[in-house]
Amino acid sequence: MLEVSVMNEEYKPSFDFVSKVMKQVHEYEASTFSFTEWLIRHPSVRYALAGSGALLGIFKTVSAF
């Protein structure tokens, strides 16, 4: 027969449990950050893409007339 043990003591995490776990989470997230993600999220790249799209749109419109 399967016997289940019951803990009588309440679990009490260490005082800095949350800070330890969050430090590990931040380290993991930093290790998975790739150059491609940085390039996509960089503001100057976004502005360049938006500007080039606007210029291409203007040139396509001008050539239509």
Protein backbone atom coordinates (compact mmCIF):
# COMPACT_ATOMS: atom_id res chain seq x y z
CA MET A 1 0.00 0.00 0.00
CA LEU A 2 1.20 3.50 -0.85
CA GLU A 3 2.00 5.54 2.20
CA VAL A 4 1.92 9.31 2.09
CA SER A 5 4.04 11.21 4.54
CA VAL A 6 2.68 14.51 5.78
CA MET A 7 5.01 17.30 6.70
CA ASN A 8 4.11 18.88 9.99
CA GLU A 9 6.41 21.87 9.56
CA GLU A 10 5.44 24.78 7.36
CA TYR A 11 7.86 25.55 4.52
CA LYS A 12 9.78 28.75 5.13
CA PRO A 13 11.97 29.94 2.26
CA SER A 14 15.16 31.83 2.99
CA PHE A 15 14.99 35.59 3.42
CA ASP A 16 16.54 36.35 0.03
CA PHE A 17 14.80 33.58 -1.90
CA VAL A 18 13.08 35.92 -4.37
CA SER A 19 16.24 37.90 -5.11
CA LYS A 20 18.22 34.69 -5.71
CA VAL A 21 15.62 33.33 -8.10
CA MET A 22 15.24 36.63 -9.95
CA LYS A 23 19.02 36.89 -10.32
CA GLN A 24 19.06 33.45 -11.94
CA VAL A 25 16.17 34.45 -14.23
CA HIS A 26 17.97 37.64 -15.32
CA GLU A 27 21.19 35.69 -15.99
CA TYR A 28 19.28 33.17 -18.08
CA GLU A 29 17.50 35.88 -20.07
CA ALA A 30 20.79 37.67 -20.69
CA SER A 31 22.39 34.49 -21.96
CA THR A 32 19.60 33.86 -24.49
CA PHE A 33 19.65 37.40 -25.95
CA SER A 34 20.96 37.19 -29.50
CA PHE A 35 22.46 39.79 -31.81
CA THR A 36 19.50 39.48 -34.16
CA GLU A 37 17.06 40.38 -31.38
CA TRP A 38 19.22 43.33 -30.40
CA LEU A 39 19.36 44.51 -34.01
CA ILE A 40 15.59 44.27 -34.43
CA ARG A 41 14.90 46.11 -31.17
CA HIS A 42 17.48 48.87 -31.65
CA PRO A 43 15.73 52.23 -32.18
CA SER A 44 18.01 53.46 -34.95
CA VAL A 45 17.30 50.34 -37.02
CA ARG A 46 13.57 50.89 -36.59
CA TYR A 47 13.89 54.53 -37.69
CA ALA A 48 15.97 53.52 -40.70
CA LEU A 49 13.42 50.92 -41.75
CA ALA A 50 10.53 53.34 -41.31
CA GLY A 51 12.35 56.06 -43.25
CA SER A 52 13.33 53.77 -46.10
CA GLY A 53 9.76 52.46 -46.29
CA ALA A 54 8.45 56.00 -46.48
CA LEU A 55 10.93 56.91 -49.22
CA LEU A 56 10.06 53.81 -51.21
CA GLY A 57 6.38 54.65 -50.85
CA ILE A 58 6.96 58.19 -52.09
CA PHE A 59 8.99 57.00 -55.10
CA LYS A 60 6.35 54.43 -56.02
CA THR A 61 3.64 57.09 -55.77
CA VAL A 62 5.59 59.63 -57.83
CA SER A 63 6.23 57.10 -60.60
CA ALA A 64 2.50 56.30 -60.75
CA PHE A 65 1.67 59.87 -61.82
